[in-house]
């Protein structure tokens, strides 16, 4: 957990030093329900698991939390939807390989 917090703090510090401002990720209606819908973010499969992509996927899926895991082999994600957390799996090259709730 500490490395994730440190990585987030570092990325925020680097973004603050950037010469071009980065838009905040906000839901269109201004509200996140907290009920995860991974079908809304299937288009992110194959994209780089950057901080901005992960944040956008969390908001677009209506999730309160997001977890990014590294996974290098074939895997069948859980078949359930819902909950308040979006899980994103990334491969060796930092590309998103699976997205699911839970």
C-alpha atoms as a PDB file:
ATOM      1  CA  UNK A   1       0.000   0.000   0.000  1.00  0.00           C
ATOM      2  CA  UNK A   2       2.850   2.400   0.816  1.00  0.00           C
ATOM      3  CA  UNK A   3       4.438   2.079  -2.668  1.00  0.00           C
ATOM      4  CA  UNK A   4       1.076   2.909  -4.261  1.00  0.00           C
ATOM      5  CA  UNK A   5       0.693   6.006  -2.086  1.00  0.00           C
ATOM      6  CA  UNK A   6       4.277   7.058  -2.815  1.00  0.00           C
ATOM      7  CA  UNK A   7       3.774   6.559  -6.555  1.00  0.00           C
ATOM      8  CA  UNK A   8       0.587   8.623  -6.472  1.00  0.00           C
ATOM      9  CA  UNK A   9       2.283  11.408  -4.525  1.00  0.00           C
ATOM     10  CA  UNK A  10       5.222  11.412  -6.933  1.00  0.00           C
ATOM     11  CA  UNK A  11       2.974  11.544  -9.997  1.00  0.00           C
ATOM     12  CA  UNK A  12       0.985  14.419  -8.495  1.00  0.00           C
ATOM     13  CA  UNK A  13       4.197  16.292  -7.692  1.00  0.00           C
ATOM     14  CA  UNK A  14       5.471  15.807 -11.243  1.00  0.00           C
ATOM     15  CA  UNK A  15       2.136  16.886 -12.688  1.00  0.00           C
ATOM     16  CA  UNK A  16       2.318  20.060 -10.607  1.00  0.00           C
ATOM     17  CA  UNK A  17       5.679  20.864 -12.216  1.00  0.00           C
ATOM     18  CA  UNK A  18       4.316  20.386 -15.717  1.00  0.00           C
ATOM     19  CA  UNK A  19       4.113  23.472 -17.902  1.00  0.00           C
ATOM     20  CA  UNK A  20       0.782  22.400 -19.403  1.00  0.00           C
ATOM     21  CA  UNK A  21      -2.148  22.103 -17.002  1.00  0.00           C
ATOM     22  CA  UNK A  22      -3.821  18.713 -16.781  1.00  0.00           C
ATOM     23  CA  UNK A  23      -7.600  18.654 -16.738  1.00  0.00           C
ATOM     24  CA  UNK A  24      -9.251  17.113 -13.718  1.00  0.00           C
ATOM     25  CA  UNK A  25     -11.247  13.963 -14.276  1.00  0.00           C
ATOM     26  CA  UNK A  26     -14.845  14.655 -13.329  1.00  0.00           C
ATOM     27  CA  UNK A  27     -18.050  12.708 -14.005  1.00  0.00           C
ATOM     28  CA  UNK A  28     -20.362  14.277 -16.569  1.00  0.00           C
ATOM     29  CA  UNK A  29     -23.276  14.583 -14.133  1.00  0.00           C
ATOM     30  CA  UNK A  30     -21.027  15.543 -11.200  1.00  0.00           C
ATOM     31  CA  UNK A  31     -21.879  12.419  -9.185  1.00  0.00           C
ATOM     32  CA  UNK A  32     -20.215   9.022  -8.813  1.00  0.00           C
ATOM     33  CA  UNK A  33     -22.740   6.446  -7.605  1.00  0.00           C
ATOM     34  CA  UNK A  34     -20.178   3.975  -6.278  1.00  0.00           C
ATOM     35  CA  UNK A  35     -21.742   1.071  -8.186  1.00  0.00           C
ATOM     36  CA  UNK A  36     -19.035  -0.252 -10.546  1.00  0.00           C
ATOM     37  CA  UNK A  37     -19.951  -0.873 -14.212  1.00  0.00           C
ATOM     38  CA  UNK A  38     -16.941  -2.307 -16.046  1.00  0.00           C
ATOM     39  CA  UNK A  39     -18.867  -2.532 -19.318  1.00  0.00           C
ATOM     40  CA  UNK A  40     -18.635   1.270 -19.551  1.00  0.00           C
ATOM     41  CA  UNK A  41     -14.800   1.148 -19.774  1.00  0.00           C
ATOM     42  CA  UNK A  42     -14.130  -1.863 -22.029  1.00  0.00           C
ATOM     43  CA  UNK A  43     -12.633   0.555 -24.570  1.00  0.00           C
ATOM     44  CA  UNK A  44      -9.617   1.055 -22.291  1.00  0.00           C
ATOM     45  CA  UNK A  45      -8.405  -2.511 -22.915  1.00  0.00           C
ATOM     46  CA  UNK A  46      -5.020  -2.371 -24.618  1.00  0.00           C
ATOM     47  CA  UNK A  47      -4.299   1.233 -23.615  1.00  0.00           C
ATOM     48  CA  UNK A  48      -1.331   2.172 -21.423  1.00  0.00           C
ATOM     49  CA  UNK A  49      -2.181   2.026 -17.719  1.00  0.00           C
ATOM     50  CA  UNK A  50      -1.171   5.654 -17.133  1.00  0.00           C
ATOM     51  CA  UNK A  51      -2.372   7.663 -14.156  1.00  0.00           C
ATOM     52  CA  UNK A  52      -4.755   9.628 -16.382  1.00  0.00           C
ATOM     53  CA  UNK A  53      -6.206   6.514 -18.060  1.00  0.00           C
ATOM     54  CA  UNK A  54      -6.746   4.759 -14.720  1.00  0.00           C
ATOM     55  CA  UNK A  55      -8.403   7.862 -13.229  1.00  0.00           C
ATOM     56  CA  UNK A  56     -10.675   8.275 -16.269  1.00  0.00           C
ATOM     57  CA  UNK A  57     -11.637   4.569 -16.142  1.00  0.00           C
ATOM     58  CA  UNK A  58     -12.518   4.848 -12.434  1.00  0.00           C
ATOM     59  CA  UNK A  59     -14.799   7.824 -13.053  1.00  0.00           C
ATOM     60  CA  UNK A  60     -16.369   6.395 -16.224  1.00  0.00           C
ATOM     61  CA  UNK A  61     -17.109   3.084 -14.469  1.00  0.00           C
ATOM     62  CA  UNK A  62     -18.823   5.005 -11.625  1.00  0.00           C
ATOM     63  CA  UNK A  63     -16.453   3.421  -9.063  1.00  0.00           C
ATOM     64  CA  UNK A  64     -15.247   5.003  -5.832  1.00  0.00           C
ATOM     65  CA  UNK A  65     -11.965   3.067  -5.793  1.00  0.00           C
ATOM     66  CA  UNK A  66      -9.579   1.570  -8.336  1.00  0.00           C
ATOM     67  CA  UNK A  67      -6.950  -1.146  -7.949  1.00  0.00           C
ATOM     68  CA  UNK A  68      -4.220  -1.753 -10.531  1.00  0.00           C
ATOM     69  CA  UNK A  69      -2.614  -5.205 -10.554  1.00  0.00           C
ATOM     70  CA  UNK A  70       0.216  -6.611 -12.632  1.00  0.00           C
ATOM     71  CA  UNK A  71      -0.667  -9.883 -14.328  1.00  0.00           C
ATOM     72  CA  UNK A  72       1.398 -11.594 -17.011  1.00  0.00           C
ATOM     73  CA  UNK A  73      -0.567 -14.716 -17.856  1.00  0.00           C
ATOM     74  CA  UNK A  74      -4.008 -15.690 -19.095  1.00  0.00           C
ATOM     75  CA  UNK A  75      -6.735 -15.284 -16.510  1.00  0.00           C
ATOM     76  CA  UNK A  76     -10.507 -15.287 -16.395  1.00  0.00           C
ATOM     77  CA  UNK A  77     -11.756 -12.316 -14.349  1.00  0.00           C
ATOM     78  CA  UNK A  78     -14.684 -12.729 -11.958  1.00  0.00           C
ATOM     79  CA  UNK A  79     -18.058 -12.810 -13.684  1.00  0.00           C
ATOM     80  CA  UNK A  80     -19.798 -10.402 -11.315  1.00  0.00           C
ATOM     81  CA  UNK A  81     -20.524  -6.715 -11.661  1.00  0.00           C
ATOM     82  CA  UNK A  82     -21.073  -4.159  -8.959  1.00  0.00           C
ATOM     83  CA  UNK A  83     -19.327  -3.157  -5.797  1.00  0.00           C
ATOM     84  CA  UNK A  84     -17.477   0.118  -5.378  1.00  0.00           C
ATOM     85  CA  UNK A  85     -14.066  -0.890  -6.783  1.00  0.00           C
ATOM     86  CA  UNK A  86     -12.776  -1.202 -10.339  1.00  0.00           C
ATOM     87  CA  UNK A  87      -9.853  -3.597 -10.833  1.00  0.00           C
ATOM     88  CA  UNK A  88      -7.473  -3.034 -13.733  1.00  0.00           C
ATOM     89  CA  UNK A  89      -4.872  -5.637 -14.651  1.00  0.00           C
ATOM     90  CA  UNK A  90      -1.822  -4.612 -16.638  1.00  0.00           C
ATOM     91  CA  UNK A  91       0.707  -6.693 -18.538  1.00  0.00           C
ATOM     92  CA  UNK A  92       4.502  -6.600 -18.872  1.00  0.00           C
ATOM     93  CA  UNK A  93       4.420  -3.571 -21.160  1.00  0.00           C
ATOM     94  CA  UNK A  94       2.081  -1.567 -18.877  1.00  0.00           C
ATOM     95  CA  UNK A  95      -0.907  -2.112 -21.178  1.00  0.00           C
ATOM     96  CA  UNK A  96      -4.338  -2.810 -19.707  1.00  0.00           C
ATOM     97  CA  UNK A  97      -5.154  -6.504 -20.148  1.00  0.00           C
ATOM     98  CA  UNK A  98      -8.344  -6.880 -18.087  1.00  0.00           C
ATOM     99  CA  UNK A  99     -10.929  -4.650 -16.429  1.00  0.00           C
ATOM    100  CA  UNK A 100     -13.541  -5.884 -13.982  1.00  0.00           C
ATOM    101  CA  UNK A 101     -15.404  -4.925 -10.836  1.00  0.00           C
ATOM    102  CA  UNK A 102     -14.373  -6.320  -7.507  1.00  0.00           C
END
